[in-house]
C-alpha atoms as a PDB file:
ATOM      1  CA  MET A   1      -0.818 -75.591  13.390  1.00  0.00           C
ATOM      2  CA  ARG A   2      -1.923 -72.886  15.796  1.00  0.00           C
ATOM      3  CA  GLU A   3      -4.288 -70.302  14.320  1.00  0.00           C
ATOM      4  CA  TYR A   4      -4.564 -66.640  15.294  1.00  0.00           C
ATOM      5  CA  ARG A   5      -6.948 -64.057  13.894  1.00  0.00           C
ATOM      6  CA  PHE A   6      -5.551 -60.798  12.617  1.00  0.00           C
ATOM      7  CA  LEU A   7      -7.141 -57.575  11.420  1.00  0.00           C
ATOM      8  CA  GLN A   8      -5.632 -54.798   9.345  1.00  0.00           C
ATOM      9  CA  ALA A   9      -6.627 -51.157   9.629  1.00  0.00           C
ATOM     10  CA  ASP A  10      -5.550 -47.790   8.274  1.00  0.00           C
ATOM     11  CA  VAL A  11      -4.999 -45.408  11.193  1.00  0.00           C
ATOM     12  CA  PHE A  12      -5.152 -41.619  11.578  1.00  0.00           C
ATOM     13  CA  THR A  13      -7.538 -41.371   8.649  1.00  0.00           C
ATOM     14  CA  ASP A  14     -11.253 -41.718   7.956  1.00  0.00           C
ATOM     15  CA  ARG A  15     -10.806 -43.449   4.592  1.00  0.00           C
ATOM     16  CA  ALA A  16      -9.216 -46.664   3.400  1.00  0.00           C
ATOM     17  CA  PHE A  17      -5.766 -46.676   1.788  1.00  0.00           C
ATOM     18  CA  ALA A  18      -4.655 -43.518   3.574  1.00  0.00           C
ATOM     19  CA  GLY A  19      -3.110 -43.123   7.022  1.00  0.00           C
ATOM     20  CA  ASN A  20      -0.789 -45.723   8.516  1.00  0.00           C
ATOM     21  CA  PRO A  21      -1.482 -49.457   8.003  1.00  0.00           C
ATOM     22  CA  LEU A  22      -1.576 -51.555  11.173  1.00  0.00           C
ATOM     23  CA  ALA A  23      -1.848 -55.290  11.754  1.00  0.00           C
ATOM     24  CA  ILE A  24      -3.680 -56.344  14.937  1.00  0.00           C
ATOM     25  CA  VAL A  25      -3.291 -59.903  16.210  1.00  0.00           C
ATOM     26  CA  THR A  26      -6.091 -60.608  18.681  1.00  0.00           C
ATOM     27  CA  GLY A  27      -6.021 -63.351  21.299  1.00  0.00           C
ATOM     28  CA  ALA A  28      -2.226 -63.472  21.048  1.00  0.00           C
ATOM     29  CA  GLU A  29      -1.607 -65.464  24.221  1.00  0.00           C
ATOM     30  CA  GLY A  30       0.461 -68.519  23.390  1.00  0.00           C
ATOM     31  CA  LEU A  31       2.759 -66.598  21.071  1.00  0.00           C
ATOM     32  CA  SER A  32       6.321 -66.081  22.263  1.00  0.00           C
ATOM     33  CA  GLY A  33       8.085 -62.760  21.871  1.00  0.00           C
ATOM     34  CA  GLU A  34      10.263 -64.316  19.185  1.00  0.00           C
ATOM     35  CA  GLU A  35       7.177 -65.467  17.278  1.00  0.00           C
ATOM     36  CA  MET A  36       5.609 -62.014  17.570  1.00  0.00           C
ATOM     37  CA  GLN A  37       8.763 -60.484  16.114  1.00  0.00           C
ATOM     38  CA  ARG A  38       8.717 -62.931  13.200  1.00  0.00           C
ATOM     39  CA  ILE A  39       5.041 -62.182  12.537  1.00  0.00           C
ATOM     40  CA  ALA A  40       5.751 -58.433  12.538  1.00  0.00           C
ATOM     41  CA  ALA A  41       8.551 -59.011  10.023  1.00  0.00           C
ATOM     42  CA  GLU A  42       6.171 -61.075   7.894  1.00  0.00           C
ATOM     43  CA  MET A  43       3.503 -58.343   7.999  1.00  0.00           C
ATOM     44  CA  ASN A  44       6.234 -55.834   7.035  1.00  0.00           C
ATOM     45  CA  LEU A  45       4.225 -52.850   8.264  1.00  0.00           C
ATOM     46  CA  SER A  46       5.687 -50.114  10.435  1.00  0.00           C
ATOM     47  CA  GLU A  47       4.040 -51.785  13.448  1.00  0.00           C
ATOM     48  CA  THR A  48       2.034 -54.853  14.429  1.00  0.00           C
ATOM     49  CA  ALA A  49       0.066 -54.938  17.705  1.00  0.00           C
ATOM     50  CA  PHE A  50      -0.584 -58.088  19.740  1.00  0.00           C
ATOM     51  CA  VAL A  51      -3.551 -58.104  22.125  1.00  0.00           C
ATOM     52  CA  LEU A  52      -3.001 -60.078  25.333  1.00  0.00           C
ATOM     53  CA  PRO A  53      -4.695 -60.498  28.721  1.00  0.00           C
ATOM     54  CA  PRO A  54      -3.494 -57.871  31.216  1.00  0.00           C
ATOM     55  CA  THR A  55      -1.193 -58.540  34.135  1.00  0.00           C
ATOM     56  CA  ALA A  56      -2.216 -55.255  35.825  1.00  0.00           C
ATOM     57  CA  VAL A  57      -5.626 -55.410  37.466  1.00  0.00           C
ATOM     58  CA  GLN A  58      -6.752 -51.958  36.273  1.00  0.00           C
ATOM     59  CA  ALA A  59      -5.935 -52.631  32.601  1.00  0.00           C
ATOM     60  CA  LEU A  60      -8.492 -53.885  30.070  1.00  0.00           C
ATOM     61  CA  CYS A  61      -5.778 -55.642  28.058  1.00  0.00           C
ATOM     62  CA  ARG A  62      -2.060 -55.634  27.360  1.00  0.00           C
ATOM     63  CA  LEU A  63      -0.500 -54.613  24.058  1.00  0.00           C
ATOM     64  CA  ARG A  64       2.882 -55.655  22.743  1.00  0.00           C
ATOM     65  CA  ILE A  65       3.991 -53.599  19.754  1.00  0.00           C
ATOM     66  CA  PHE A  66       6.626 -54.620  17.208  1.00  0.00           C
ATOM     67  CA  THR A  67       8.222 -52.988  14.175  1.00  0.00           C
ATOM     68  CA  PRO A  68       9.681 -55.395  11.579  1.00  0.00           C
ATOM     69  CA  ASN A  69      12.836 -55.725  13.686  1.00  0.00           C
ATOM     70  CA  THR A  70      12.233 -54.603  17.288  1.00  0.00           C
ATOM     71  CA  GLU A  71       9.705 -54.242  20.095  1.00  0.00           C
ATOM     72  CA  LEU A  72       8.552 -50.766  21.202  1.00  0.00           C
ATOM     73  CA  PRO A  73       7.326 -49.736  24.666  1.00  0.00           C
ATOM     74  CA  LEU A  74       4.595 -47.537  23.180  1.00  0.00           C
ATOM     75  CA  ALA A  75       3.500 -46.266  19.783  1.00  0.00           C
ATOM     76  CA  GLY A  76       0.593 -44.096  18.749  1.00  0.00           C
ATOM     77  CA  HIS A  77      -1.022 -45.671  15.736  1.00  0.00           C
ATOM     78  CA  PRO A  78      -1.074 -49.226  17.186  1.00  0.00           C
ATOM     79  CA  VAL A  79      -2.910 -48.001  20.294  1.00  0.00           C
ATOM     80  CA  VAL A  80      -5.360 -45.745  18.463  1.00  0.00           C
ATOM     81  CA  GLY A  81      -5.971 -48.279  15.699  1.00  0.00           C
ATOM     82  CA  THR A  82      -6.349 -51.315  17.961  1.00  0.00           C
ATOM     83  CA  PHE A  83      -8.866 -49.760  20.312  1.00  0.00           C
ATOM     84  CA  PHE A  84     -10.787 -47.964  17.538  1.00  0.00           C
ATOM     85  CA  VAL A  85     -11.284 -51.206  15.585  1.00  0.00           C
ATOM     86  CA  LEU A  86     -12.018 -53.431  18.585  1.00  0.00           C
ATOM     87  CA  ALA A  87     -14.388 -50.861  20.105  1.00  0.00           C
ATOM     88  CA  ARG A  88     -16.232 -50.520  16.776  1.00  0.00           C
ATOM     89  CA  ARG A  89     -16.565 -54.313  16.742  1.00  0.00           C
ATOM     90  CA  GLY A  90     -17.791 -54.357  20.341  1.00  0.00           C
ATOM     91  CA  GLU A  91     -14.943 -56.600  21.446  1.00  0.00           C
ATOM     92  CA  LEU A  92     -13.073 -56.602  24.785  1.00  0.00           C
ATOM     93  CA  GLY A  93     -16.496 -56.203  26.416  1.00  0.00           C
ATOM     94  CA  LEU A  94     -16.815 -52.663  25.031  1.00  0.00           C
ATOM     95  CA  GLY A  95     -19.992 -53.051  22.953  1.00  0.00           C
ATOM     96  CA  GLU A  96     -22.587 -52.773  25.723  1.00  0.00           C
ATOM     97  CA  ALA A  97     -20.657 -50.086  27.604  1.00  0.00           C
ATOM     98  CA  LEU A  98     -20.477 -47.827  24.564  1.00  0.00           C
ATOM     99  CA  ARG A  99     -24.132 -48.359  23.629  1.00  0.00           C
ATOM    100  CA  ASN A 100     -25.192 -47.513  27.169  1.00  0.00           C
ATOM    101  CA  LEU A 101     -22.991 -44.415  27.177  1.00  0.00           C
ATOM    102  CA  GLY A 102     -24.615 -43.046  24.013  1.00  0.00           C
ATOM    103  CA  THR A 103     -22.542 -39.874  23.779  1.00  0.00           C
ATOM    104  CA  GLY A 104     -19.493 -39.046  25.850  1.00  0.00           C
ATOM    105  CA  VAL A 105     -16.088 -40.451  26.782  1.00  0.00           C
ATOM    106  CA  HIS A 106     -15.473 -44.015  27.974  1.00  0.00           C
ATOM    107  CA  ARG A 107     -12.069 -44.343  29.653  1.00  0.00           C
ATOM    108  CA  ILE A 108     -10.194 -47.628  29.755  1.00  0.00           C
ATOM    109  CA  HIS A 109      -6.589 -48.434  30.656  1.00  0.00           C
ATOM    110  CA  GLN A 110      -4.089 -50.284  28.525  1.00  0.00           C
ATOM    111  CA  GLU A 111      -0.995 -52.069  29.743  1.00  0.00           C
ATOM    112  CA  CYS A 112       2.087 -51.689  27.526  1.00  0.00           C
ATOM    113  CA  GLY A 113       5.846 -51.503  27.787  1.00  0.00           C
ATOM    114  CA  ALA A 114       5.580 -47.898  29.004  1.00  0.00           C
ATOM    115  CA  GLY A 115       3.275 -48.845  31.894  1.00  0.00           C
ATOM    116  CA  VAL A 116      -0.475 -48.647  32.450  1.00  0.00           C
ATOM    117  CA  LEU A 117      -1.879 -45.661  30.561  1.00  0.00           C
ATOM    118  CA  PRO A 118      -5.406 -44.345  29.984  1.00  0.00           C
ATOM    119  CA  VAL A 119      -7.152 -44.527  26.623  1.00  0.00           C
ATOM    120  CA  ASP A 120     -10.299 -42.480  25.988  1.00  0.00           C
ATOM    121  CA  ILE A 121     -12.925 -43.758  23.565  1.00  0.00           C
ATOM    122  CA  ARG A 122     -15.005 -40.796  22.406  1.00  0.00           C
ATOM    123  CA  VAL A 123     -18.510 -41.826  21.407  1.00  0.00           C
ATOM    124  CA  SER A 124     -21.468 -40.115  19.734  1.00  0.00           C
ATOM    125  CA  GLY A 125     -24.818 -41.842  19.426  1.00  0.00           C
ATOM    126  CA  GLY A 126     -23.258 -45.104  20.532  1.00  0.00           C
ATOM    127  CA  GLU A 127     -20.699 -44.994  17.691  1.00  0.00           C
ATOM    128  CA  VAL A 128     -16.957 -44.633  18.181  1.00  0.00           C
ATOM    129  CA  GLU A 129     -15.785 -41.291  16.777  1.00  0.00           C
ATOM    130  CA  GLN A 130     -12.214 -41.058  18.035  1.00  0.00           C
ATOM    131  CA  VAL A 131      -9.728 -42.856  20.262  1.00  0.00           C
ATOM    132  CA  VAL A 132      -7.341 -40.723  22.313  1.00  0.00           C
ATOM    133  CA  MET A 133      -4.313 -42.124  24.114  1.00  0.00           C
ATOM    134  CA  THR A 134      -2.432 -40.479  26.956  1.00  0.00           C
ATOM    135  CA  GLN A 135       1.308 -40.665  26.471  1.00  0.00           C
ATOM    136  CA  ALA A 136       4.081 -40.508  29.040  1.00  0.00           C
ATOM    137  CA  PRO A 137       4.872 -36.986  30.340  1.00  0.00           C
ATOM    138  CA  PRO A 138       7.050 -35.132  27.804  1.00  0.00           C
ATOM    139  CA  ARG A 139      10.762 -34.955  28.469  1.00  0.00           C
ATOM    140  CA  PHE A 140      13.186 -32.697  26.610  1.00  0.00           C
ATOM    141  CA  PHE A 141      16.753 -33.836  26.095  1.00  0.00           C
ATOM    142  CA  ALA A 142      19.762 -32.820  24.007  1.00  0.00           C
ATOM    143  CA  GLU A 143      19.615 -29.943  21.573  1.00  0.00           C
ATOM    144  CA  PHE A 144      21.501 -30.326  18.311  1.00  0.00           C
ATOM    145  CA  ALA A 145      22.466 -27.443  16.057  1.00  0.00           C
ATOM    146  CA  ASP A 146      24.845 -29.041  13.499  1.00  0.00           C
ATOM    147  CA  ARG A 147      23.122 -28.014  10.260  1.00  0.00           C
ATOM    148  CA  SER A 148      25.740 -29.611   8.007  1.00  0.00           C
ATOM    149  CA  SER A 149      25.301 -33.092   9.543  1.00  0.00           C
ATOM    150  CA  LEU A 150      21.525 -32.835   9.276  1.00  0.00           C
ATOM    151  CA  ALA A 151      21.762 -31.598   5.691  1.00  0.00           C
ATOM    152  CA  ALA A 152      23.929 -34.597   4.766  1.00  0.00           C
ATOM    153  CA  CYS A 153      21.230 -36.922   6.145  1.00  0.00           C
ATOM    154  CA  LEU A 154      18.297 -35.210   4.466  1.00  0.00           C
ATOM    155  CA  GLY A 155      19.679 -34.129   1.098  1.00  0.00           C
ATOM    156  CA  ILE A 156      18.685 -30.475   1.446  1.00  0.00           C
ATOM    157  CA  GLY A 157      20.681 -27.282   1.975  1.00  0.00           C
ATOM    158  CA  ALA A 158      21.958 -26.439   5.440  1.00  0.00           C
ATOM    159  CA  ASP A 159      20.246 -23.051   5.155  1.00  0.00           C
ATOM    160  CA  GLU A 160      16.881 -24.837   4.921  1.00  0.00           C
ATOM    161  CA  LEU A 161      17.298 -26.319   8.401  1.00  0.00           C
ATOM    162  CA  LEU A 162      16.746 -24.988  11.939  1.00  0.00           C
ATOM    163  CA  PRO A 163      14.926 -21.746  11.014  1.00  0.00           C
ATOM    164  CA  ASP A 164      14.971 -18.784  13.410  1.00  0.00           C
ATOM    165  CA  GLY A 165      17.855 -20.338  15.332  1.00  0.00           C
ATOM    166  CA  ARG A 166      15.692 -23.074  16.860  1.00  0.00           C
ATOM    167  CA  PRO A 167      17.754 -26.240  17.320  1.00  0.00           C
ATOM    168  CA  ALA A 168      16.829 -29.811  16.657  1.00  0.00           C
ATOM    169  CA  GLN A 169      16.031 -31.560  19.947  1.00  0.00           C
ATOM    170  CA  VAL A 170      15.377 -35.022  21.334  1.00  0.00           C
ATOM    171  CA  VAL A 171      11.897 -35.182  22.886  1.00  0.00           C
ATOM    172  CA  SER A 172      10.216 -38.205  24.445  1.00  0.00           C
ATOM    173  CA  THR A 173       6.655 -39.061  25.379  1.00  0.00           C
ATOM    174  CA  ALA A 174       7.777 -42.705  25.882  1.00  0.00           C
ATOM    175  CA  LEU A 175      10.197 -43.051  22.948  1.00  0.00           C
ATOM    176  CA  PRO A 176      13.071 -40.532  22.440  1.00  0.00           C
ATOM    177  CA  GLN A 177      12.791 -38.933  19.012  1.00  0.00           C
ATOM    178  CA  LEU A 178      14.818 -36.203  17.313  1.00  0.00           C
ATOM    179  CA  MET A 179      12.665 -33.232  16.269  1.00  0.00           C
ATOM    180  CA  VAL A 180      14.176 -31.439  13.252  1.00  0.00           C
ATOM    181  CA  PRO A 181      12.594 -28.122  12.183  1.00  0.00           C
ATOM    182  CA  VAL A 182      12.834 -27.230   8.485  1.00  0.00           C
ATOM    183  CA  ARG A 183      12.202 -23.852   6.908  1.00  0.00           C
ATOM    184  CA  SER A 184       9.435 -24.618   4.404  1.00  0.00           C
ATOM    185  CA  LEU A 185       6.947 -27.116   3.073  1.00  0.00           C
ATOM    186  CA  ARG A 186       8.928 -27.266  -0.167  1.00  0.00           C
ATOM    187  CA  SER A 187      12.051 -28.286   1.769  1.00  0.00           C
ATOM    188  CA  ILE A 188      10.128 -31.129   3.422  1.00  0.00           C
ATOM    189  CA  GLU A 189       8.650 -32.334   0.141  1.00  0.00           C
ATOM    190  CA  LYS A 190      11.948 -32.549  -1.726  1.00  0.00           C
ATOM    191  CA  LEU A 191      14.200 -34.064   0.960  1.00  0.00           C
ATOM    192  CA  GLU A 192      15.711 -37.496   0.304  1.00  0.00           C
ATOM    193  CA  LEU A 193      16.919 -39.411   3.344  1.00  0.00           C
ATOM    194  CA  ASP A 194      20.322 -41.109   3.380  1.00  0.00           C
ATOM    195  CA  PRO A 195      19.479 -43.992   5.754  1.00  0.00           C
ATOM    196  CA  ALA A 196      23.073 -44.823   6.670  1.00  0.00           C
ATOM    197  CA  ALA A 197      23.963 -41.195   7.409  1.00  0.00           C
ATOM    198  CA  ALA A 198      20.732 -40.738   9.367  1.00  0.00           C
ATOM    199  CA  GLN A 199      21.350 -43.810  11.508  1.00  0.00           C
ATOM    200  CA  ALA A 200      24.930 -42.746  12.195  1.00  0.00           C
ATOM    201  CA  LEU A 201      23.652 -39.350  13.320  1.00  0.00           C
ATOM    202  CA  LEU A 202      20.925 -40.838  15.525  1.00  0.00           C
ATOM    203  CA  ASN A 203      23.487 -43.189  17.092  1.00  0.00           C
ATOM    204  CA  ARG A 204      25.637 -40.298  18.307  1.00  0.00           C
ATOM    205  CA  GLU A 205      25.965 -40.284  22.080  1.00  0.00           C
ATOM    206  CA  GLU A 206      24.457 -36.798  22.375  1.00  0.00           C
ATOM    207  CA  ILE A 207      21.322 -37.907  20.488  1.00  0.00           C
ATOM    208  CA  GLY A 208      20.689 -41.594  21.265  1.00  0.00           C
ATOM    209  CA  SER A 209      17.458 -42.054  19.326  1.00  0.00           C
ATOM    210  CA  ASP A 210      16.095 -44.349  16.625  1.00  0.00           C
ATOM    211  CA  CYS A 211      13.654 -41.830  15.118  1.00  0.00           C
ATOM    212  CA  MET A 212      13.874 -38.515  13.310  1.00  0.00           C
ATOM    213  CA  MET A 213      10.743 -36.338  12.929  1.00  0.00           C
ATOM    214  CA  VAL A 214      11.389 -33.673  10.272  1.00  0.00           C
ATOM    215  CA  PHE A 215       8.753 -30.934  10.133  1.00  0.00           C
ATOM    216  CA  SER A 216       7.759 -27.476   8.963  1.00  0.00           C
ATOM    217  CA  THR A 217       5.072 -25.165  10.294  1.00  0.00           C
ATOM    218  CA  GLN A 218       4.081 -24.557   6.654  1.00  0.00           C
ATOM    219  CA  CYS A 219       1.329 -27.070   5.866  1.00  0.00           C
ATOM    220  CA  VAL A 220      -0.815 -28.358   3.034  1.00  0.00           C
ATOM    221  CA  ASP A 221      -3.843 -27.442   5.187  1.00  0.00           C
ATOM    222  CA  GLU A 222      -3.111 -24.047   6.673  1.00  0.00           C
ATOM    223  CA  GLU A 223      -5.270 -24.873   9.699  1.00  0.00           C
ATOM    224  CA  ASN A 224      -2.808 -27.560  10.778  1.00  0.00           C
ATOM    225  CA  ALA A 225       0.122 -26.909  13.097  1.00  0.00           C
ATOM    226  CA  ALA A 226       2.892 -28.821  11.297  1.00  0.00           C
ATOM    227  CA  HIS A 227       3.654 -30.897   8.213  1.00  0.00           C
ATOM    228  CA  ALA A 228       5.907 -33.815   9.151  1.00  0.00           C
ATOM    229  CA  ARG A 229       7.861 -36.782   7.851  1.00  0.00           C
ATOM    230  CA  MET A 230       9.240 -39.444  10.208  1.00  0.00           C
ATOM    231  CA  PHE A 231      12.196 -41.724   9.516  1.00  0.00           C
ATOM    232  CA  ALA A 232      13.393 -44.665  11.630  1.00  0.00           C
ATOM    233  CA  PRO A 233      15.859 -46.682   9.523  1.00  0.00           C
ATOM    234  CA  GLY A 234      17.281 -48.463  12.561  1.00  0.00           C
ATOM    235  CA  LEU A 235      13.824 -49.839  13.402  1.00  0.00           C
ATOM    236  CA  GLY A 236      13.302 -51.157   9.887  1.00  0.00           C
ATOM    237  CA  VAL A 237      10.998 -48.235   8.984  1.00  0.00           C
ATOM    238  CA  HIS A 238      12.446 -46.083   6.197  1.00  0.00           C
ATOM    239  CA  GLU A 239       9.509 -43.673   6.390  1.00  0.00           C
ATOM    240  CA  ASP A 240       6.303 -43.819   8.412  1.00  0.00           C
ATOM    241  CA  PRO A 241       3.036 -42.291   7.089  1.00  0.00           C
ATOM    242  CA  ALA A 242       1.609 -41.439  10.544  1.00  0.00           C
ATOM    243  CA  THR A 243       3.455 -41.617  13.856  1.00  0.00           C
ATOM    244  CA  GLY A 244       1.443 -40.965  17.006  1.00  0.00           C
ATOM    245  CA  SER A 245       4.354 -41.081  19.444  1.00  0.00           C
ATOM    246  CA  ALA A 246       6.407 -38.649  17.336  1.00  0.00           C
ATOM    247  CA  ALA A 247       3.382 -36.383  16.801  1.00  0.00           C
ATOM    248  CA  GLY A 248       2.887 -36.208  20.575  1.00  0.00           C
ATOM    249  CA  ALA A 249       6.534 -35.267  21.083  1.00  0.00           C
ATOM    250  CA  LEU A 250       6.299 -32.726  18.259  1.00  0.00           C
ATOM    251  CA  GLY A 251       3.161 -31.187  19.777  1.00  0.00           C
ATOM    252  CA  ALA A 252       5.019 -30.734  23.062  1.00  0.00           C
ATOM    253  CA  TRP A 253       7.985 -29.170  21.211  1.00  0.00           C
ATOM    254  CA  LEU A 254       5.710 -26.742  19.318  1.00  0.00           C
ATOM    255  CA  VAL A 255       3.974 -25.651  22.519  1.00  0.00           C
ATOM    256  CA  ARG A 256       7.296 -25.244  24.344  1.00  0.00           C
ATOM    257  CA  HIS A 257       8.524 -22.951  21.553  1.00  0.00           C
ATOM    258  CA  GLY A 258       5.286 -20.964  21.207  1.00  0.00           C
ATOM    259  CA  LEU A 259       4.641 -22.111  17.622  1.00  0.00           C
ATOM    260  CA  VAL A 260       0.927 -22.957  17.866  1.00  0.00           C
ATOM    261  CA  LYS A 261      -2.272 -21.025  17.261  1.00  0.00           C
ATOM    262  CA  ASP A 262      -4.573 -20.322  20.214  1.00  0.00           C
ATOM    263  CA  SER A 263      -1.611 -20.889  22.521  1.00  0.00           C
ATOM    264  CA  ASP A 264      -3.514 -19.291  25.412  1.00  0.00           C
ATOM    265  CA  ARG A 265      -5.912 -22.247  25.502  1.00  0.00           C
ATOM    266  CA  ASP A 266      -5.348 -25.153  27.866  1.00  0.00           C
ATOM    267  CA  PRO A 267      -5.096 -27.832  26.726  1.00  0.00           C
ATOM    268  CA  VAL A 268      -3.647 -26.645  23.441  1.00  0.00           C
ATOM    269  CA  GLY A 269      -5.212 -28.555  20.546  1.00  0.00           C
ATOM    270  CA  LEU A 270      -3.400 -28.994  17.241  1.00  0.00           C
ATOM    271  CA  VAL A 271      -3.236 -31.263  14.202  1.00  0.00           C
ATOM    272  CA  ILE A 272      -0.077 -32.745  12.680  1.00  0.00           C
ATOM    273  CA  GLU A 273      -0.317 -33.723   8.999  1.00  0.00           C
ATOM    274  CA  GLN A 274       1.929 -36.529   7.767  1.00  0.00           C
ATOM    275  CA  GLY A 275       2.203 -39.134   5.022  1.00  0.00           C
ATOM    276  CA  TYR A 276       1.490 -36.856   2.047  1.00  0.00           C
ATOM    277  CA  GLU A 277       4.775 -37.665   0.311  1.00  0.00           C
ATOM    278  CA  MET A 278       3.923 -41.372   0.570  1.00  0.00           C
ATOM    279  CA  GLY A 279       0.462 -40.954  -0.931  1.00  0.00           C
ATOM    280  CA  ARG A 280      -1.101 -41.760   2.473  1.00  0.00           C
ATOM    281  CA  PRO A 281      -2.262 -38.446   3.980  1.00  0.00           C
ATOM    282  CA  SER A 282      -2.838 -38.627   7.721  1.00  0.00           C
ATOM    283  CA  SER A 283      -4.262 -36.325  10.406  1.00  0.00           C
ATOM    284  CA  ILE A 284      -3.002 -36.762  13.962  1.00  0.00           C
ATOM    285  CA  HIS A 285      -4.828 -34.834  16.686  1.00  0.00           C
ATOM    286  CA  VAL A 286      -2.673 -33.734  19.629  1.00  0.00           C
ATOM    287  CA  GLU A 287      -3.664 -32.147  22.940  1.00  0.00           C
ATOM    288  CA  VAL A 288      -0.993 -30.641  25.189  1.00  0.00           C
ATOM    289  CA  GLU A 289      -1.624 -29.616  28.796  1.00  0.00           C
ATOM    290  CA  ARG A 290       0.761 -27.249  30.554  1.00  0.00           C
ATOM    291  CA  ASP A 291       2.033 -26.767  34.078  1.00  0.00           C
ATOM    292  CA  GLY A 292       3.793 -23.491  34.812  1.00  0.00           C
ATOM    293  CA  GLY A 293       3.667 -22.676  31.099  1.00  0.00           C
ATOM    294  CA  GLN A 294       5.538 -25.842  30.102  1.00  0.00           C
ATOM    295  CA  PRO A 295       4.120 -28.983  28.439  1.00  0.00           C
ATOM    296  CA  SER A 296       3.202 -31.511  31.115  1.00  0.00           C
ATOM    297  CA  LEU A 297       0.770 -33.993  29.547  1.00  0.00           C
ATOM    298  CA  VAL A 298       0.226 -35.119  25.948  1.00  0.00           C
ATOM    299  CA  ARG A 299      -2.719 -36.929  24.393  1.00  0.00           C
ATOM    300  CA  VAL A 300      -2.855 -38.158  20.795  1.00  0.00           C
ATOM    301  CA  GLY A 301      -5.986 -39.244  18.978  1.00  0.00           C
ATOM    302  CA  GLY A 302      -7.571 -40.096  15.677  1.00  0.00           C
ATOM    303  CA  GLN A 303      -9.702 -42.496  13.720  1.00  0.00           C
ATOM    304  CA  ALA A 304      -9.149 -45.768  11.877  1.00  0.00           C
ATOM    305  CA  VAL A 305     -10.699 -47.768   9.051  1.00  0.00           C
ATOM    306  CA  GLU A 306     -10.691 -51.569   9.055  1.00  0.00           C
ATOM    307  CA  VAL A 307      -9.602 -52.911   5.656  1.00  0.00           C
ATOM    308  CA  ALA A 308      -8.817 -56.630   6.046  1.00  0.00           C
ATOM    309  CA  GLU A 309      -9.221 -59.712   8.209  1.00  0.00           C
ATOM    310  CA  GLY A 310      -7.422 -63.050   8.104  1.00  0.00           C
ATOM    311  CA  VAL A 311      -5.910 -66.030   9.916  1.00  0.00           C
ATOM    312  CA  LEU A 312      -2.272 -66.629  10.798  1.00  0.00           C
ATOM    313  CA  ARG A 313      -1.127 -70.255  10.901  1.00  0.00           C
ATOM    314  CA  ILE A 314       1.854 -70.862  13.148  1.00  0.00           C
ATOM    315  CA  PRO A 315       3.616 -74.274  13.160  1.00  0.00           C
ATOM    316  CA  ASP A 316       3.671 -76.043  16.539  1.00  0.00           C
END
């Protein structure tokens, strides 16, 4: 038997049993991609992260990220959760660097399927307060204005969708995701996804995504920018309680459409709330920089709480 240590953390929250659960397999060299996929299916969480030595000289480590049935090039809560937990533990050689820093920002680079990207570890008094990942530059793709098809997927009235004439749109900060605006918080709370209809819609040539981020600018906390629910049935994730990649794309969409407070600030800072309907409230912090008035760079950050540790035993 080969043995591998794993940790489990709740991400985008400061308390246990909220946020988005994440499994982190450290020292994952020696595992094949097929074995990683089987482990992710066994964990049965929205994502499992595997920590590997880097192949790029500037990277501290390499992450491979799997849902229960596929590998992703990048995802928010695995990056934030992995580096928050390992930095708090002083692993990856981070302990001394963070203690010496005291208060400030320690930048590292991660290698992932989306390339080599910076990760900022924000520290106060030698303690990790927040991890912030830079995502790929936002790209805006197809707009979609078929209210009846969306209503059939979500189980709400067509008149509750696409308020003020704003269409749904595919946005990517590494992973293309369909942003779907909804009129009210009540509409978000009561919707019931039809997974088969949703997957058929996402598979349409003009959309070509695996993920649907449904949101309203009405929030439980009125200081937040959007209340969201994310569905990815084709990835084996019926609903996700906190989705960093989708929150980054949503932040870019909100800035592009002028739907944020303090929009004259640069970068624009906002918070996406998610997971409330699953009993796992989450807070995802998003920063959006602009170039020529348009979103050009997205960062997503948050906290994590370690909740479990164990050993995986893999047959030779």
